[in-house]
């Protein structure tokens, strides 16, 4: 019976690891979550996004937007006005990241404070 419990625990750990790896694969990189956060305040054109997400190169932004679109987080709207206008918008599916982004924000704030307090103790 103990062996069966061990196998079950290993299976659960493997399943949990696979789920985390899947999530990290989709949200991989330095820019995807900042782009999602930038779009959370409303639709933006490419140049607006590039100004909001500081430090991102145009080529990288274009690539990241395509990947976010392929994964169902962003939709690209093309308006046939003169000149052509393109806007990016978060999908309903992107709302499923709300708790993830919030948890990362809380943890990031806590971690930053921890590092600052450690640094102050050294100085």
PDB file of N, CA and C in Angstrom:
ATOM      1  N   UNK A   1       0.824  -1.200   0.000  1.00  0.00           N
ATOM      2  CA  UNK A   1       0.000   0.000   0.000  1.00  0.00           C
ATOM      3  C   UNK A   1       0.862   1.255   0.000  1.00  0.00           C
ATOM      4  N   UNK A   2       1.984   1.218   0.725  1.00  0.00           N
ATOM      5  CA  UNK A   2       2.879   2.371   0.794  1.00  0.00           C
ATOM      6  C   UNK A   2       3.437   2.706  -0.584  1.00  0.00           C
ATOM      7  N   UNK A   3       3.745   1.654  -1.361  1.00  0.00           N
ATOM      8  CA  UNK A   3       4.277   1.867  -2.706  1.00  0.00           C
ATOM      9  C   UNK A   3       3.242   2.573  -3.586  1.00  0.00           C
ATOM     10  N   UNK A   4       1.983   2.198  -3.468  1.00  0.00           N
ATOM     11  CA  UNK A   4       0.909   2.819  -4.235  1.00  0.00           C
ATOM     12  C   UNK A   4       0.765   4.297  -3.871  1.00  0.00           C
ATOM     13  N   UNK A   5       0.875   4.624  -2.581  1.00  0.00           N
ATOM     14  CA  UNK A   5       0.806   6.025  -2.144  1.00  0.00           C
ATOM     15  C   UNK A   5       1.980   6.825  -2.697  1.00  0.00           C
ATOM     16  N   UNK A   6       3.155   6.209  -2.722  1.00  0.00           N
ATOM     17  CA  UNK A   6       4.345   6.875  -3.261  1.00  0.00           C
ATOM     18  C   UNK A   6       4.166   7.166  -4.745  1.00  0.00           C
ATOM     19  N   UNK A   7       3.665   6.180  -5.473  1.00  0.00           N
ATOM     20  CA  UNK A   7       3.421   6.366  -6.908  1.00  0.00           C
ATOM     21  C   UNK A   7       2.385   7.459  -7.127  1.00  0.00           C
ATOM     22  N   UNK A   8       1.335   7.452  -6.322  1.00  0.00           N
ATOM     23  CA  UNK A   8       0.290   8.472  -6.433  1.00  0.00           C
ATOM     24  C   UNK A   8       0.850   9.869  -6.158  1.00  0.00           C
ATOM     25  N   UNK A   9       1.679   9.995  -5.129  1.00  0.00           N
ATOM     26  CA  UNK A   9       2.285  11.291  -4.797  1.00  0.00           C
ATOM     27  C   UNK A   9       3.217  11.756  -5.907  1.00  0.00           C
ATOM     28  N   UNK A  10       3.987  10.822  -6.474  1.00  0.00           N
ATOM     29  CA  UNK A  10       4.889  11.165  -7.583  1.00  0.00           C
ATOM     30  C   UNK A  10       4.089  11.610  -8.805  1.00  0.00           C
ATOM     31  N   UNK A  11       2.977  10.921  -9.065  1.00  0.00           N
ATOM     32  CA  UNK A  11       2.120  11.271 -10.198  1.00  0.00           C
ATOM     33  C   UNK A  11       1.551  12.679 -10.031  1.00  0.00           C
ATOM     34  N   UNK A  12       1.069  12.990  -8.825  1.00  0.00           N
ATOM     35  CA  UNK A  12       0.529  14.325  -8.549  1.00  0.00           C
ATOM     36  C   UNK A  12       1.604  15.393  -8.709  1.00  0.00           C
ATOM     37  N   UNK A  13       2.804  15.121  -8.217  1.00  0.00           N
ATOM     38  CA  UNK A  13       3.907  16.079  -8.350  1.00  0.00           C
ATOM     39  C   UNK A  13       4.264  16.279  -9.816  1.00  0.00           C
ATOM     40  N   UNK A  14       4.274  15.199 -10.574  1.00  0.00           N
ATOM     41  CA  UNK A  14       4.587  15.276 -12.005  1.00  0.00           C
ATOM     42  C   UNK A  14       3.507  16.062 -12.748  1.00  0.00           C
ATOM     43  N   UNK A  15       2.252  15.823 -12.411  1.00  0.00           N
ATOM     44  CA  UNK A  15       1.138  16.543 -13.030  1.00  0.00           C
ATOM     45  C   UNK A  15       1.207  18.027 -12.702  1.00  0.00           C
ATOM     46  N   UNK A  16       1.501  18.349 -11.444  1.00  0.00           N
ATOM     47  CA  UNK A  16       1.621  19.754 -11.031  1.00  0.00           C
ATOM     48  C   UNK A  16       2.775  20.422 -11.761  1.00  0.00           C
ATOM     49  N   UNK A  17       3.889  19.716 -11.879  1.00  0.00           N
ATOM     50  CA  UNK A  17       5.047  20.269 -12.580  1.00  0.00           C
ATOM     51  C   UNK A  17       4.717  20.520 -14.046  1.00  0.00           C
ATOM     52  N   UNK A  18       4.021  19.594 -14.674  1.00  0.00           N
ATOM     53  CA  UNK A  18       3.635  19.763 -16.080  1.00  0.00           C
ATOM     54  C   UNK A  18       2.740  20.980 -16.265  1.00  0.00           C
ATOM     55  N   UNK A  19       1.804  21.174 -15.346  1.00  0.00           N
ATOM     56  CA  UNK A  19       0.898  22.324 -15.435  1.00  0.00           C
ATOM     57  C   UNK A  19       1.669  23.631 -15.297  1.00  0.00           C
ATOM     58  N   UNK A  20       2.618  23.680 -14.371  1.00  0.00           N
ATOM     59  CA  UNK A  20       3.440  24.888 -14.194  1.00  0.00           C
ATOM     60  C   UNK A  20       4.295  25.121 -15.434  1.00  0.00           C
ATOM     61  N   UNK A  21       4.875  24.053 -15.984  1.00  0.00           N
ATOM     62  CA  UNK A  21       5.683  24.195 -17.196  1.00  0.00           C
ATOM     63  C   UNK A  21       4.842  24.693 -18.365  1.00  0.00           C
ATOM     64  N   UNK A  22       3.610  24.214 -18.488  1.00  0.00           N
ATOM     65  CA  UNK A  22       2.713  24.690 -19.547  1.00  0.00           C
ATOM     66  C   UNK A  22       2.454  26.188 -19.402  1.00  0.00           C
ATOM     67  N   UNK A  23       2.169  26.610 -18.172  1.00  0.00           N
ATOM     68  CA  UNK A  23       1.901  28.033 -17.922  1.00  0.00           C
ATOM     69  C   UNK A  23       3.127  28.877 -18.230  1.00  0.00           C
ATOM     70  N   UNK A  24       4.291  28.426 -17.783  1.00  0.00           N
ATOM     71  CA  UNK A  24       5.520  29.182 -18.035  1.00  0.00           C
ATOM     72  C   UNK A  24       5.861  29.220 -19.520  1.00  0.00           C
ATOM     73  N   UNK A  25       5.563  28.146 -20.242  1.00  0.00           N
ATOM     74  CA  UNK A  25       5.822  28.121 -21.677  1.00  0.00           C
ATOM     75  C   UNK A  25       5.012  29.207 -22.393  1.00  0.00           C
ATOM     76  N   UNK A  26       3.744  29.335 -22.014  1.00  0.00           N
ATOM     77  CA  UNK A  26       2.865  30.316 -22.657  1.00  0.00           C
ATOM     78  C   UNK A  26       3.246  31.741 -22.270  1.00  0.00           C
ATOM     79  N   UNK A  27       3.622  31.951 -21.013  1.00  0.00           N
ATOM     80  CA  UNK A  27       3.927  33.299 -20.511  1.00  0.00           C
ATOM     81  C   UNK A  27       5.427  33.562 -20.451  1.00  0.00           C
ATOM     82  N   UNK A  28       6.199  32.704 -21.099  1.00  0.00           N
ATOM     83  CA  UNK A  28       7.656  32.770 -21.062  1.00  0.00           C
ATOM     84  C   UNK A  28       8.192  34.120 -21.516  1.00  0.00           C
ATOM     85  N   UNK A  29       9.231  34.546 -20.880  1.00  0.00           N
ATOM     86  CA  UNK A  29       9.940  35.733 -21.322  1.00  0.00           C
ATOM     87  C   UNK A  29       9.703  36.941 -20.450  1.00  0.00           C
ATOM     88  N   UNK A  30      10.439  37.947 -20.795  1.00  0.00           N
ATOM     89  CA  UNK A  30      10.482  39.186 -20.026  1.00  0.00           C
ATOM     90  C   UNK A  30       9.304  40.107 -20.320  1.00  0.00           C
ATOM     91  N   UNK A  31       8.668  39.947 -21.482  1.00  0.00           N
ATOM     92  CA  UNK A  31       7.759  40.981 -21.970  1.00  0.00           C
ATOM     93  C   UNK A  31       6.281  40.628 -21.979  1.00  0.00           C
ATOM     94  N   UNK A  32       5.913  39.365 -21.990  1.00  0.00           N
ATOM     95  CA  UNK A  32       4.500  39.017 -22.179  1.00  0.00           C
ATOM     96  C   UNK A  32       3.600  39.582 -21.081  1.00  0.00           C
ATOM     97  N   UNK A  33       3.961  39.360 -19.832  1.00  0.00           N
ATOM     98  CA  UNK A  33       3.115  39.885 -18.751  1.00  0.00           C
ATOM     99  C   UNK A  33       3.092  41.409 -18.717  1.00  0.00           C
ATOM    100  N   UNK A  34       4.222  42.109 -18.919  1.00  0.00           N
ATOM    101  CA  UNK A  34       4.130  43.576 -18.988  1.00  0.00           C
ATOM    102  C   UNK A  34       3.217  44.067 -20.119  1.00  0.00           C
ATOM    103  N   UNK A  35       3.205  43.372 -21.248  1.00  0.00           N
ATOM    104  CA  UNK A  35       2.311  43.747 -22.350  1.00  0.00           C
ATOM    105  C   UNK A  35       0.857  43.546 -21.923  1.00  0.00           C
ATOM    106  N   UNK A  36       0.575  42.423 -21.287  1.00  0.00           N
ATOM    107  CA  UNK A  36      -0.787  42.151 -20.813  1.00  0.00           C
ATOM    108  C   UNK A  36      -1.219  43.198 -19.797  1.00  0.00           C
ATOM    109  N   UNK A  37      -0.332  43.538 -18.869  1.00  0.00           N
ATOM    110  CA  UNK A  37      -0.653  44.564 -17.868  1.00  0.00           C
ATOM    111  C   UNK A  37      -0.898  45.909 -18.555  1.00  0.00           C
ATOM    112  N   UNK A  38      -0.079  46.250 -19.551  1.00  0.00           N
ATOM    113  CA  UNK A  38      -0.252  47.515 -20.278  1.00  0.00           C
ATOM    114  C   UNK A  38      -1.596  47.560 -20.990  1.00  0.00           C
ATOM    115  N   UNK A  39      -2.026  46.440 -21.538  1.00  0.00           N
ATOM    116  CA  UNK A  39      -3.309  46.393 -22.247  1.00  0.00           C
ATOM    117  C   UNK A  39      -4.501  46.315 -21.298  1.00  0.00           C
ATOM    118  N   UNK A  40      -4.249  46.034 -20.032  1.00  0.00           N
ATOM    119  CA  UNK A  40      -5.363  45.914 -19.084  1.00  0.00           C
ATOM    120  C   UNK A  40      -6.071  47.245 -18.852  1.00  0.00           C
ATOM    121  N   UNK A  41      -5.409  48.353 -19.193  1.00  0.00           N
ATOM    122  CA  UNK A  41      -6.048  49.666 -19.041  1.00  0.00           C
ATOM    123  C   UNK A  41      -6.846  50.065 -20.281  1.00  0.00           C
ATOM    124  N   UNK A  42      -6.838  49.212 -21.306  1.00  0.00           N
ATOM    125  CA  UNK A  42      -7.621  49.490 -22.508  1.00  0.00           C
ATOM    126  C   UNK A  42      -6.839  49.211 -23.779  1.00  0.00           C
ATOM    127  N   UNK A  43      -7.544  49.267 -24.900  1.00  0.00           N
ATOM    128  CA  UNK A  43      -6.929  49.015 -26.206  1.00  0.00           C
ATOM    129  C   UNK A  43      -5.793  49.994 -26.455  1.00  0.00           C
ATOM    130  N   UNK A  44      -4.767  49.508 -27.155  1.00  0.00           N
ATOM    131  CA  UNK A  44      -3.638  50.374 -27.486  1.00  0.00           C
ATOM    132  C   UNK A  44      -3.136  50.052 -28.884  1.00  0.00           C
ATOM    133  N   UNK A  45      -2.622  51.103 -29.526  1.00  0.00           N
ATOM    134  CA  UNK A  45      -1.939  50.905 -30.799  1.00  0.00           C
ATOM    135  C   UNK A  45      -0.505  50.488 -30.513  1.00  0.00           C
ATOM    136  N   UNK A  46       0.179  50.030 -31.542  1.00  0.00           N
ATOM    137  CA  UNK A  46       1.533  49.499 -31.398  1.00  0.00           C
ATOM    138  C   UNK A  46       2.466  50.507 -30.732  1.00  0.00           C
ATOM    139  N   UNK A  47       2.488  51.738 -31.242  1.00  0.00           N
ATOM    140  CA  UNK A  47       3.399  52.748 -30.685  1.00  0.00           C
ATOM    141  C   UNK A  47       3.050  53.101 -29.244  1.00  0.00           C
ATOM    142  N   UNK A  48       1.762  53.100 -28.918  1.00  0.00           N
ATOM    143  CA  UNK A  48       1.350  53.354 -27.531  1.00  0.00           C
ATOM    144  C   UNK A  48       1.871  52.249 -26.611  1.00  0.00           C
ATOM    145  N   UNK A  49       1.767  51.019 -27.092  1.00  0.00           N
ATOM    146  CA  UNK A  49       2.278  49.892 -26.306  1.00  0.00           C
ATOM    147  C   UNK A  49       3.787  50.004 -26.109  1.00  0.00           C
ATOM    148  N   UNK A  50       4.476  50.367 -27.178  1.00  0.00           N
ATOM    149  CA  UNK A  50       5.932  50.469 -27.085  1.00  0.00           C
ATOM    150  C   UNK A  50       6.349  51.558 -26.094  1.00  0.00           C
ATOM    151  N   UNK A  51       5.594  52.639 -26.024  1.00  0.00           N
ATOM    152  CA  UNK A  51       5.894  53.701 -25.055  1.00  0.00           C
ATOM    153  C   UNK A  51       5.558  53.264 -23.634  1.00  0.00           C
ATOM    154  N   UNK A  52       4.482  52.506 -23.485  1.00  0.00           N
ATOM    155  CA  UNK A  52       4.044  52.066 -22.159  1.00  0.00           C
ATOM    156  C   UNK A  52       4.983  51.009 -21.585  1.00  0.00           C
ATOM    157  N   UNK A  53       5.380  50.055 -22.420  1.00  0.00           N
ATOM    158  CA  UNK A  53       6.281  48.978 -21.986  1.00  0.00           C
ATOM    159  C   UNK A  53       7.709  49.445 -22.266  1.00  0.00           C
ATOM    160  N   UNK A  54       8.281  50.095 -21.299  1.00  0.00           N
ATOM    161  CA  UNK A  54       9.599  50.731 -21.454  1.00  0.00           C
ATOM    162  C   UNK A  54      10.687  49.705 -21.783  1.00  0.00           C
ATOM    163  N   UNK A  55      11.500  50.046 -22.783  1.00  0.00           N
ATOM    164  CA  UNK A  55      12.673  49.242 -23.109  1.00  0.00           C
ATOM    165  C   UNK A  55      12.460  48.133 -24.120  1.00  0.00           C
ATOM    166  N   UNK A  56      11.234  47.936 -24.581  1.00  0.00           N
ATOM    167  CA  UNK A  56      10.988  46.852 -25.537  1.00  0.00           C
ATOM    168  C   UNK A  56      11.240  47.345 -26.959  1.00  0.00           C
ATOM    169  N   UNK A  57      11.978  46.566 -27.728  1.00  0.00           N
ATOM    170  CA  UNK A  57      12.254  46.900 -29.127  1.00  0.00           C
ATOM    171  C   UNK A  57      11.020  46.587 -29.976  1.00  0.00           C
ATOM    172  N   UNK A  58      10.863  47.313 -31.071  1.00  0.00           N
ATOM    173  CA  UNK A  58       9.702  47.128 -31.946  1.00  0.00           C
ATOM    174  C   UNK A  58       9.605  45.692 -32.457  1.00  0.00           C
ATOM    175  N   UNK A  59      10.730  45.125 -32.854  1.00  0.00           N
ATOM    176  CA  UNK A  59      10.745  43.756 -33.379  1.00  0.00           C
ATOM    177  C   UNK A  59      10.297  42.760 -32.303  1.00  0.00           C
ATOM    178  N   UNK A  60      10.759  42.960 -31.082  1.00  0.00           N
ATOM    179  CA  UNK A  60      10.390  42.077 -29.971  1.00  0.00           C
ATOM    180  C   UNK A  60       8.907  42.239 -29.641  1.00  0.00           C
ATOM    181  N   UNK A  61       8.425  43.481 -29.597  1.00  0.00           N
ATOM    182  CA  UNK A  61       7.011  43.732 -29.316  1.00  0.00           C
ATOM    183  C   UNK A  61       6.132  43.051 -30.358  1.00  0.00           C
ATOM    184  N   UNK A  62       6.504  43.174 -31.620  1.00  0.00           N
ATOM    185  CA  UNK A  62       5.747  42.547 -32.698  1.00  0.00           C
ATOM    186  C   UNK A  62       5.690  41.027 -32.510  1.00  0.00           C
ATOM    187  N   UNK A  63       6.828  40.432 -32.197  1.00  0.00           N
ATOM    188  CA  UNK A  63       6.901  38.981 -31.983  1.00  0.00           C
ATOM    189  C   UNK A  63       6.048  38.556 -30.786  1.00  0.00           C
ATOM    190  N   UNK A  64       6.155  39.279 -29.688  1.00  0.00           N
ATOM    191  CA  UNK A  64       5.405  38.939 -28.474  1.00  0.00           C
ATOM    192  C   UNK A  64       3.900  39.082 -28.704  1.00  0.00           C
ATOM    193  N   UNK A  65       3.485  40.138 -29.413  1.00  0.00           N
ATOM    194  CA  UNK A  65       2.060  40.323 -29.710  1.00  0.00           C
ATOM    195  C   UNK A  65       1.519  39.171 -30.555  1.00  0.00           C
ATOM    196  N   UNK A  66       2.314  38.707 -31.530  1.00  0.00           N
ATOM    197  CA  UNK A  66       1.889  37.573 -32.356  1.00  0.00           C
ATOM    198  C   UNK A  66       1.711  36.319 -31.504  1.00  0.00           C
ATOM    199  N   UNK A  67       2.650  36.081 -30.583  1.00  0.00           N
ATOM    200  CA  UNK A  67       2.535  34.907 -29.712  1.00  0.00           C
ATOM    201  C   UNK A  67       1.338  35.025 -28.767  1.00  0.00           C
ATOM    202  N   UNK A  68       1.127  36.216 -28.220  1.00  0.00           N
ATOM    203  CA  UNK A  68      -0.032  36.424 -27.340  1.00  0.00           C
ATOM    204  C   UNK A  68      -1.335  36.229 -28.109  1.00  0.00           C
ATOM    205  N   UNK A  69      -1.338  36.642 -29.366  1.00  0.00           N
ATOM    206  CA  UNK A  69      -2.521  36.453 -30.211  1.00  0.00           C
ATOM    207  C   UNK A  69      -2.743  34.962 -30.493  1.00  0.00           C
ATOM    208  N   UNK A  70      -1.674  34.239 -30.815  1.00  0.00           N
ATOM    209  CA  UNK A  70      -1.781  32.799 -31.077  1.00  0.00           C
ATOM    210  C   UNK A  70      -2.295  32.027 -29.860  1.00  0.00           C
ATOM    211  N   UNK A  71      -1.939  32.485 -28.674  1.00  0.00           N
ATOM    212  CA  UNK A  71      -2.360  31.809 -27.445  1.00  0.00           C
ATOM    213  C   UNK A  71      -3.696  32.317 -26.909  1.00  0.00           C
ATOM    214  N   UNK A  72      -4.333  33.226 -27.629  1.00  0.00           N
ATOM    215  CA  UNK A  72      -5.683  33.652 -27.281  1.00  0.00           C
ATOM    216  C   UNK A  72      -5.786  34.726 -26.217  1.00  0.00           C
ATOM    217  N   UNK A  73      -4.681  35.425 -25.921  1.00  0.00           N
ATOM    218  CA  UNK A  73      -4.713  36.477 -24.906  1.00  0.00           C
ATOM    219  C   UNK A  73      -4.978  37.860 -25.495  1.00  0.00           C
ATOM    220  N   UNK A  74      -4.625  38.041 -26.756  1.00  0.00           N
ATOM    221  CA  UNK A  74      -4.734  39.354 -27.402  1.00  0.00           C
ATOM    222  C   UNK A  74      -5.425  39.183 -28.744  1.00  0.00           C
ATOM    223  N   UNK A  75      -6.238  40.177 -29.103  1.00  0.00           N
ATOM    224  CA  UNK A  75      -6.835  40.214 -30.433  1.00  0.00           C
ATOM    225  C   UNK A  75      -6.371  41.495 -31.114  1.00  0.00           C
ATOM    226  N   UNK A  76      -6.111  41.375 -32.397  1.00  0.00           N
ATOM    227  CA  UNK A  76      -5.621  42.500 -33.205  1.00  0.00           C
ATOM    228  C   UNK A  76      -6.777  42.997 -34.061  1.00  0.00           C
ATOM    229  N   UNK A  77      -7.104  44.291 -33.918  1.00  0.00           N
ATOM    230  CA  UNK A  77      -8.176  44.900 -34.712  1.00  0.00           C
ATOM    231  C   UNK A  77      -7.547  45.795 -35.775  1.00  0.00           C
ATOM    232  N   UNK A  78      -7.924  45.568 -37.039  1.00  0.00           N
ATOM    233  CA  UNK A  78      -7.438  46.396 -38.143  1.00  0.00           C
ATOM    234  C   UNK A  78      -8.603  47.239 -38.640  1.00  0.00           C
ATOM    235  N   UNK A  79      -8.436  48.565 -38.564  1.00  0.00           N
ATOM    236  CA  UNK A  79      -9.457  49.503 -39.033  1.00  0.00           C
ATOM    237  C   UNK A  79      -8.990  50.078 -40.361  1.00  0.00           C
ATOM    238  N   UNK A  80      -9.838  49.944 -41.380  1.00  0.00           N
ATOM    239  CA  UNK A  80      -9.450  50.346 -42.732  1.00  0.00           C
ATOM    240  C   UNK A  80      -9.697  51.821 -42.986  1.00  0.00           C
ATOM    241  N   UNK A  81      -9.283  52.633 -42.051  1.00  0.00           N
ATOM    242  CA  UNK A  81      -9.356  54.078 -42.249  1.00  0.00           C
ATOM    243  C   UNK A  81      -8.088  54.507 -42.985  1.00  0.00           C
ATOM    244  N   UNK A  82      -7.978  55.785 -43.274  1.00  0.00           N
ATOM    245  CA  UNK A  82      -6.754  56.294 -43.888  1.00  0.00           C
ATOM    246  C   UNK A  82      -6.086  57.232 -42.906  1.00  0.00           C
ATOM    247  N   UNK A  83      -4.930  56.926 -42.419  1.00  0.00           N
ATOM    248  CA  UNK A  83      -4.169  55.684 -42.629  1.00  0.00           C
ATOM    249  C   UNK A  83      -4.782  54.527 -41.845  1.00  0.00           C
ATOM    250  N   UNK A  84      -4.379  53.320 -42.218  1.00  0.00           N
ATOM    251  CA  UNK A  84      -4.876  52.122 -41.541  1.00  0.00           C
ATOM    252  C   UNK A  84      -4.490  52.196 -40.066  1.00  0.00           C
ATOM    253  N   UNK A  85      -5.446  51.866 -39.191  1.00  0.00           N
ATOM    254  CA  UNK A  85      -5.169  51.883 -37.759  1.00  0.00           C
ATOM    255  C   UNK A  85      -5.296  50.462 -37.211  1.00  0.00           C
ATOM    256  N   UNK A  86      -4.322  50.067 -36.410  1.00  0.00           N
ATOM    257  CA  UNK A  86      -4.325  48.744 -35.788  1.00  0.00           C
ATOM    258  C   UNK A  86      -4.289  48.924 -34.282  1.00  0.00           C
ATOM    259  N   UNK A  87      -5.214  48.251 -33.600  1.00  0.00           N
ATOM    260  CA  UNK A  87      -5.264  48.288 -32.139  1.00  0.00           C
ATOM    261  C   UNK A  87      -5.177  46.868 -31.597  1.00  0.00           C
ATOM    262  N   UNK A  88      -4.645  46.768 -30.407  1.00  0.00           N
ATOM    263  CA  UNK A  88      -4.555  45.485 -29.713  1.00  0.00           C
ATOM    264  C   UNK A  88      -5.440  45.541 -28.481  1.00  0.00           C
ATOM    265  N   UNK A  89      -6.132  44.431 -28.236  1.00  0.00           N
ATOM    266  CA  UNK A  89      -7.075  44.363 -27.119  1.00  0.00           C
ATOM    267  C   UNK A  89      -6.933  43.009 -26.429  1.00  0.00           C
ATOM    268  N   UNK A  90      -7.090  43.009 -25.116  1.00  0.00           N
ATOM    269  CA  UNK A  90      -7.098  41.749 -24.381  1.00  0.00           C
ATOM    270  C   UNK A  90      -8.396  41.005 -24.653  1.00  0.00           C
ATOM    271  N   UNK A  91      -8.326  39.696 -24.690  1.00  0.00           N
ATOM    272  CA  UNK A  91      -9.512  38.862 -24.863  1.00  0.00           C
ATOM    273  C   UNK A  91     -10.119  38.545 -23.499  1.00  0.00           C
ATOM    274  N   UNK A  92     -11.308  37.978 -23.514  1.00  0.00           N
ATOM    275  CA  UNK A  92     -11.929  37.514 -22.269  1.00  0.00           C
ATOM    276  C   UNK A  92     -11.036  36.473 -21.594  1.00  0.00           C
ATOM    277  N   UNK A  93     -10.417  35.636 -22.405  1.00  0.00           N
ATOM    278  CA  UNK A  93      -9.547  34.584 -21.872  1.00  0.00           C
ATOM    279  C   UNK A  93      -8.394  35.160 -21.058  1.00  0.00           C
ATOM    280  N   UNK A  94      -7.912  36.321 -21.435  1.00  0.00           N
ATOM    281  CA  UNK A  94      -6.795  36.936 -20.700  1.00  0.00           C
ATOM    282  C   UNK A  94      -7.186  37.273 -19.262  1.00  0.00           C
ATOM    283  N   UNK A  95      -8.487  37.425 -19.005  1.00  0.00           N
ATOM    284  CA  UNK A  95      -8.945  37.673 -17.631  1.00  0.00           C
ATOM    285  C   UNK A  95      -8.593  36.515 -16.700  1.00  0.00           C
ATOM    286  N   UNK A  96      -8.385  35.331 -17.278  1.00  0.00           N
ATOM    287  CA  UNK A  96      -8.016  34.176 -16.452  1.00  0.00           C
ATOM    288  C   UNK A  96      -6.637  34.350 -15.817  1.00  0.00           C
ATOM    289  N   UNK A  97      -5.873  35.321 -16.294  1.00  0.00           N
ATOM    290  CA  UNK A  97      -4.546  35.604 -15.725  1.00  0.00           C
ATOM    291  C   UNK A  97      -4.602  36.591 -14.565  1.00  0.00           C
ATOM    292  N   UNK A  98      -5.776  37.103 -14.255  1.00  0.00           N
ATOM    293  CA  UNK A  98      -5.906  38.125 -13.214  1.00  0.00           C
ATOM    294  C   UNK A  98      -5.295  37.723 -11.889  1.00  0.00           C
ATOM    295  N   UNK A  99      -5.619  36.530 -11.417  1.00  0.00           N
ATOM    296  CA  UNK A  99      -5.076  36.080 -10.134  1.00  0.00           C
ATOM    297  C   UNK A  99      -3.573  35.832 -10.221  1.00  0.00           C
ATOM    298  N   UNK A 100      -3.112  35.370 -11.368  1.00  0.00           N
ATOM    299  CA  UNK A 100      -1.677  35.129 -11.557  1.00  0.00           C
ATOM    300  C   UNK A 100      -0.917  36.446 -11.476  1.00  0.00           C
ATOM    301  N   UNK A 101      -1.385  37.449 -12.205  1.00  0.00           N
ATOM    302  CA  UNK A 101      -0.732  38.759 -12.211  1.00  0.00           C
ATOM    303  C   UNK A 101      -0.786  39.381 -10.819  1.00  0.00           C
ATOM    304  N   UNK A 102      -1.928  39.264 -10.161  1.00  0.00           N
ATOM    305  CA  UNK A 102      -2.061  39.830  -8.818  1.00  0.00           C
ATOM    306  C   UNK A 102      -1.115  39.143  -7.836  1.00  0.00           C
ATOM    307  N   UNK A 103      -1.027  37.816  -7.908  1.00  0.00           N
ATOM    308  CA  UNK A 103      -0.114  37.081  -7.024  1.00  0.00           C
ATOM    309  C   UNK A 103       1.338  37.476  -7.292  1.00  0.00           C
ATOM    310  N   UNK A 104       1.704  37.643  -8.554  1.00  0.00           N
ATOM    311  CA  UNK A 104       3.069  38.068  -8.890  1.00  0.00           C
ATOM    312  C   UNK A 104       3.348  39.481  -8.396  1.00  0.00           C
ATOM    313  N   UNK A 105       2.350  40.361  -8.483  1.00  0.00           N
ATOM    314  CA  UNK A 105       2.516  41.732  -7.996  1.00  0.00           C
ATOM    315  C   UNK A 105       2.752  41.739  -6.492  1.00  0.00           C
ATOM    316  N   UNK A 106       1.945  40.982  -5.769  1.00  0.00           N
ATOM    317  CA  UNK A 106       2.083  40.914  -4.310  1.00  0.00           C
ATOM    318  C   UNK A 106       3.441  40.325  -3.934  1.00  0.00           C
ATOM    319  N   UNK A 107       3.811  39.229  -4.575  1.00  0.00           N
ATOM    320  CA  UNK A 107       5.095  38.603  -4.270  1.00  0.00           C
ATOM    321  C   UNK A 107       6.253  39.524  -4.645  1.00  0.00           C
ATOM    322  N   UNK A 108       6.159  40.176  -5.799  1.00  0.00           N
ATOM    323  CA  UNK A 108       7.215  41.088  -6.233  1.00  0.00           C
ATOM    324  C   UNK A 108       7.412  42.243  -5.269  1.00  0.00           C
ATOM    325  N   UNK A 109       6.323  42.791  -4.761  1.00  0.00           N
ATOM    326  CA  UNK A 109       6.401  43.876  -3.776  1.00  0.00           C
ATOM    327  C   UNK A 109       7.072  43.382  -2.497  1.00  0.00           C
ATOM    328  N   UNK A 110       6.660  42.210  -2.031  1.00  0.00           N
ATOM    329  CA  UNK A 110       7.245  41.632  -0.827  1.00  0.00           C
ATOM    330  C   UNK A 110       8.738  41.360  -1.017  1.00  0.00           C
ATOM    331  N   UNK A 111       9.097  40.794  -2.152  1.00  0.00           N
ATOM    332  CA  UNK A 111      10.495  40.465  -2.432  1.00  0.00           C
ATOM    333  C   UNK A 111      11.352  41.729  -2.511  1.00  0.00           C
ATOM    334  N   UNK A 112      10.844  42.746  -3.174  1.00  0.00           N
ATOM    335  CA  UNK A 112      11.589  44.004  -3.287  1.00  0.00           C
ATOM    336  C   UNK A 112      11.864  44.595  -1.904  1.00  0.00           C
ATOM    337  N   UNK A 113      10.845  44.568  -1.047  1.00  0.00           N
ATOM    338  CA  UNK A 113      11.018  45.088   0.319  1.00  0.00           C
ATOM    339  C   UNK A 113      12.033  44.259   1.105  1.00  0.00           C
ATOM    340  N   UNK A 114      12.002  42.955   0.921  1.00  0.00           N
ATOM    341  CA  UNK A 114      12.957  42.073   1.602  1.00  0.00           C
ATOM    342  C   UNK A 114      14.382  42.412   1.182  1.00  0.00           C
ATOM    343  N   UNK A 115      14.598  42.561  -0.107  1.00  0.00           N
ATOM    344  CA  UNK A 115      15.935  42.875  -0.622  1.00  0.00           C
ATOM    345  C   UNK A 115      16.376  44.252  -0.131  1.00  0.00           C
ATOM    346  N   UNK A 116      15.470  45.218  -0.159  1.00  0.00           N
ATOM    347  CA  UNK A 116      15.811  46.563   0.333  1.00  0.00           C
ATOM    348  C   UNK A 116      16.215  46.537   1.801  1.00  0.00           C
ATOM    349  N   UNK A 117      15.452  45.799   2.609  1.00  0.00           N
ATOM    350  CA  UNK A 117      15.773  45.757   4.043  1.00  0.00           C
ATOM    351  C   UNK A 117      17.104  45.047   4.282  1.00  0.00           C
ATOM    352  N   UNK A 118      17.396  44.013   3.503  1.00  0.00           N
ATOM    353  CA  UNK A 118      18.694  43.341   3.627  1.00  0.00           C
ATOM    354  C   UNK A 118      19.827  44.280   3.230  1.00  0.00           C
ATOM    355  N   UNK A 119      19.611  45.057   2.184  1.00  0.00           N
ATOM    356  CA  UNK A 119      20.629  45.994   1.714  1.00  0.00           C
ATOM    357  C   UNK A 119      20.887  47.073   2.764  1.00  0.00           C
ATOM    358  N   UNK A 120      19.808  47.577   3.379  1.00  0.00           N
ATOM    359  CA  UNK A 120      19.946  48.604   4.419  1.00  0.00           C
ATOM    360  C   UNK A 120      20.744  48.073   5.604  1.00  0.00           C
ATOM    361  N   UNK A 121      20.563  46.804   5.935  1.00  0.00           N
ATOM    362  CA  UNK A 121      21.303  46.212   7.049  1.00  0.00           C
ATOM    363  C   UNK A 121      22.793  46.106   6.735  1.00  0.00           C
ATOM    364  N   UNK A 122      23.128  45.933   5.458  1.00  0.00           N
ATOM    365  CA  UNK A 122      24.531  45.831   5.056  1.00  0.00           C
ATOM    366  C   UNK A 122      25.224  47.184   5.039  1.00  0.00           C
ATOM    367  N   UNK A 123      24.463  48.230   4.779  1.00  0.00           N
ATOM    368  CA  UNK A 123      25.052  49.570   4.642  1.00  0.00           C
ATOM    369  C   UNK A 123      25.218  50.254   5.956  1.00  0.00           C
TER     370      UNK A 123
END
